[in-house]
Amino acid sequence: MGIQDIIEGKKQWRAHMARVKALPPDYQIVYKELQRYIFKVGPVDLLNGPLLSEIIDFFEEGVASNKGVLELIGNDVAAFCDDLIKDSRTYADLYQESLSAKPGTPEK
């Protein structure tokens, strides 16, 4: 990863966070909780995938439709996140695989 990649990544992240800050306060709070949960539990390819941007797109559509954030996701943020990443490989999966690997065999 070169310096240009780092700079471009920072620009993209700042643009992403500007979109979050443009959301109403209740959406921002829920987004930050979603983000915290996904960063902790989340998929291995989170940084290379569109998941966080798609959540913001979904929230922006909810704002445009005059819906409350809980109308969109329900009352359980963790269950909503789990449903989003249910088919993705997570770090917990990698950890479980490393525990079940036989000693002395190379990992995948």
C-alpha atoms as a PDB file:
ATOM      1  CA  MET A   1       0.000   0.000   0.000  1.00  0.00           C
ATOM      2  CA  GLY A   2       1.560   3.226  -1.149  1.00  0.00           C
ATOM      3  CA  ILE A   3       1.151   6.725   0.173  1.00  0.00           C
ATOM      4  CA  GLN A   4      -1.270   7.601  -2.649  1.00  0.00           C
ATOM      5  CA  ASP A   5      -3.491   4.698  -1.591  1.00  0.00           C
ATOM      6  CA  ILE A   6      -3.490   5.952   1.980  1.00  0.00           C
ATOM      7  CA  ILE A   7      -4.338   9.495   0.897  1.00  0.00           C
ATOM      8  CA  GLU A   8      -7.140   8.268  -1.368  1.00  0.00           C
ATOM      9  CA  GLY A   9      -8.483   6.060   1.417  1.00  0.00           C
ATOM     10  CA  LYS A  10      -8.578   9.019   3.792  1.00  0.00           C
ATOM     11  CA  LYS A  11     -10.418  11.137   1.215  1.00  0.00           C
ATOM     12  CA  GLN A  12     -12.985   8.402   0.722  1.00  0.00           C
ATOM     13  CA  TRP A  13     -13.440   7.963   4.467  1.00  0.00           C
ATOM     14  CA  ARG A  14     -13.896  11.700   5.011  1.00  0.00           C
ATOM     15  CA  ALA A  15     -16.506  11.826   2.228  1.00  0.00           C
ATOM     16  CA  HIS A  16     -18.214   8.827   3.802  1.00  0.00           C
ATOM     17  CA  MET A  17     -18.315  10.480   7.227  1.00  0.00           C
ATOM     18  CA  ALA A  18     -19.591  13.735   5.691  1.00  0.00           C
ATOM     19  CA  ARG A  19     -22.583  11.761   4.407  1.00  0.00           C
ATOM     20  CA  VAL A  20     -23.152  10.408   7.912  1.00  0.00           C
ATOM     21  CA  LYS A  21     -23.014  13.913   9.406  1.00  0.00           C
ATOM     22  CA  ALA A  22     -25.629  15.069   6.882  1.00  0.00           C
ATOM     23  CA  LEU A  23     -28.132  12.569   8.319  1.00  0.00           C
ATOM     24  CA  PRO A  24     -30.577  13.562  11.097  1.00  0.00           C
ATOM     25  CA  PRO A  25     -29.251  13.068  14.647  1.00  0.00           C
ATOM     26  CA  ASP A  26     -31.204   9.866  15.357  1.00  0.00           C
ATOM     27  CA  TYR A  27     -29.883   8.288  12.155  1.00  0.00           C
ATOM     28  CA  GLN A  28     -26.334   9.342  13.081  1.00  0.00           C
ATOM     29  CA  ILE A  29     -26.600   7.694  16.499  1.00  0.00           C
ATOM     30  CA  VAL A  30     -27.889   4.446  15.030  1.00  0.00           C
ATOM     31  CA  TYR A  31     -25.281   4.513  12.243  1.00  0.00           C
ATOM     32  CA  LYS A  32     -22.475   4.888  14.784  1.00  0.00           C
ATOM     33  CA  GLU A  33     -23.850   1.937  16.766  1.00  0.00           C
ATOM     34  CA  LEU A  34     -24.094  -0.119  13.556  1.00  0.00           C
ATOM     35  CA  GLN A  35     -20.563   0.841  12.629  1.00  0.00           C
ATOM     36  CA  ARG A  36     -19.221  -0.017  16.096  1.00  0.00           C
ATOM     37  CA  TYR A  37     -20.922  -3.416  16.027  1.00  0.00           C
ATOM     38  CA  ILE A  38     -19.807  -4.210  12.485  1.00  0.00           C
ATOM     39  CA  PHE A  39     -16.201  -3.189  13.205  1.00  0.00           C
ATOM     40  CA  LYS A  40     -16.188  -5.471  16.240  1.00  0.00           C
ATOM     41  CA  VAL A  41     -17.937  -8.492  14.712  1.00  0.00           C
ATOM     42  CA  GLY A  42     -17.837  -7.672  11.057  1.00  0.00           C
ATOM     43  CA  PRO A  43     -16.882  -9.341   7.869  1.00  0.00           C
ATOM     44  CA  VAL A  44     -13.286  -9.881   6.822  1.00  0.00           C
ATOM     45  CA  ASP A  45     -13.788  -7.890   3.604  1.00  0.00           C
ATOM     46  CA  LEU A  46     -15.457  -4.912   5.300  1.00  0.00           C
ATOM     47  CA  LEU A  47     -12.949  -2.328   4.134  1.00  0.00           C
ATOM     48  CA  ASN A  48     -12.994  -3.584   0.547  1.00  0.00           C
ATOM     49  CA  GLY A  49     -16.750  -3.991   0.386  1.00  0.00           C
ATOM     50  CA  PRO A  50     -19.628  -1.557  -0.032  1.00  0.00           C
ATOM     51  CA  LEU A  51     -21.511  -2.460   3.172  1.00  0.00           C
ATOM     52  CA  LEU A  52     -21.112   0.825   5.064  1.00  0.00           C
ATOM     53  CA  SER A  53     -21.902   2.926   1.990  1.00  0.00           C
ATOM     54  CA  GLU A  54     -24.982   0.818   1.316  1.00  0.00           C
ATOM     55  CA  ILE A  55     -26.179   1.429   4.879  1.00  0.00           C
ATOM     56  CA  ILE A  56     -25.860   5.173   4.337  1.00  0.00           C
ATOM     57  CA  ASP A  57     -27.733   4.867   1.014  1.00  0.00           C
ATOM     58  CA  PHE A  58     -30.490   2.975   2.847  1.00  0.00           C
ATOM     59  CA  PHE A  59     -30.637   5.622   5.574  1.00  0.00           C
ATOM     60  CA  GLU A  60     -30.724   8.474   3.052  1.00  0.00           C
ATOM     61  CA  GLU A  61     -33.697   6.796   1.367  1.00  0.00           C
ATOM     62  CA  GLY A  62     -35.391   6.505   4.768  1.00  0.00           C
ATOM     63  CA  VAL A  63     -34.829  10.199   5.454  1.00  0.00           C
ATOM     64  CA  ALA A  64     -36.240  11.087   2.011  1.00  0.00           C
ATOM     65  CA  SER A  65     -39.325   8.966   2.811  1.00  0.00           C
ATOM     66  CA  ASN A  66     -39.775  10.718   6.183  1.00  0.00           C
ATOM     67  CA  LYS A  67     -39.361   7.459   8.086  1.00  0.00           C
ATOM     68  CA  GLY A  68     -37.774   7.145  11.496  1.00  0.00           C
ATOM     69  CA  VAL A  69     -34.608   5.112  11.698  1.00  0.00           C
ATOM     70  CA  LEU A  70     -36.232   2.482  13.928  1.00  0.00           C
ATOM     71  CA  GLU A  71     -38.971   2.026  11.328  1.00  0.00           C
ATOM     72  CA  LEU A  72     -36.225   0.980   8.926  1.00  0.00           C
ATOM     73  CA  ILE A  73     -34.115  -1.308  11.077  1.00  0.00           C
ATOM     74  CA  GLY A  74     -36.312  -2.275  14.015  1.00  0.00           C
ATOM     75  CA  ASN A  75     -35.455  -1.976  17.696  1.00  0.00           C
ATOM     76  CA  ASP A  76     -32.505  -4.395  17.734  1.00  0.00           C
ATOM     77  CA  VAL A  77     -29.390  -2.932  16.114  1.00  0.00           C
ATOM     78  CA  ALA A  78     -27.353  -6.107  16.629  1.00  0.00           C
ATOM     79  CA  ALA A  79     -30.006  -8.294  14.966  1.00  0.00           C
ATOM     80  CA  PHE A  80     -30.113  -5.904  12.001  1.00  0.00           C
ATOM     81  CA  CYS A  81     -26.308  -6.070  11.684  1.00  0.00           C
ATOM     82  CA  ASP A  82     -26.268  -9.834  12.041  1.00  0.00           C
ATOM     83  CA  ASP A  83     -28.787 -10.081   9.222  1.00  0.00           C
ATOM     84  CA  LEU A  84     -26.605  -7.838   7.027  1.00  0.00           C
ATOM     85  CA  ILE A  85     -23.477  -9.923   7.516  1.00  0.00           C
ATOM     86  CA  LYS A  86     -25.044 -13.386   7.840  1.00  0.00           C
ATOM     87  CA  ASP A  87     -23.502 -14.661   4.595  1.00  0.00           C
ATOM     88  CA  SER A  88     -20.129 -12.988   5.087  1.00  0.00           C
ATOM     89  CA  ARG A  89     -17.016 -14.547   6.517  1.00  0.00           C
ATOM     90  CA  THR A  90     -16.179 -12.888   9.836  1.00  0.00           C
ATOM     91  CA  TYR A  91     -13.084 -12.686  12.000  1.00  0.00           C
ATOM     92  CA  ALA A  92     -14.870 -14.966  14.469  1.00  0.00           C
ATOM     93  CA  ASP A  93     -15.113 -17.566  11.689  1.00  0.00           C
ATOM     94  CA  LEU A  94     -11.390 -17.259  11.017  1.00  0.00           C
ATOM     95  CA  TYR A  95     -10.644 -17.658  14.698  1.00  0.00           C
ATOM     96  CA  GLN A  96     -12.813 -20.761  14.964  1.00  0.00           C
ATOM     97  CA  GLU A  97     -11.087 -22.225  11.911  1.00  0.00           C
ATOM     98  CA  SER A  98      -7.668 -21.575  13.442  1.00  0.00           C
ATOM     99  CA  LEU A  99      -8.721 -23.334  16.645  1.00  0.00           C
ATOM    100  CA  SER A 100     -10.021 -26.359  14.793  1.00  0.00           C
ATOM    101  CA  ALA A 101      -6.925 -26.679  12.575  1.00  0.00           C
ATOM    102  CA  LYS A 102      -4.649 -29.546  13.481  1.00  0.00           C
ATOM    103  CA  PRO A 103      -1.291 -28.530  14.944  1.00  0.00           C
ATOM    104  CA  GLY A 104       1.468 -28.564  12.370  1.00  0.00           C
ATOM    105  CA  THR A 105      -0.823 -28.127   9.372  1.00  0.00           C
ATOM    106  CA  PRO A 106      -0.699 -24.923   7.359  1.00  0.00           C
ATOM    107  CA  GLU A 107      -3.702 -22.607   7.632  1.00  0.00           C
ATOM    108  CA  LYS A 108      -5.721 -21.574   4.595  1.00  0.00           C
END
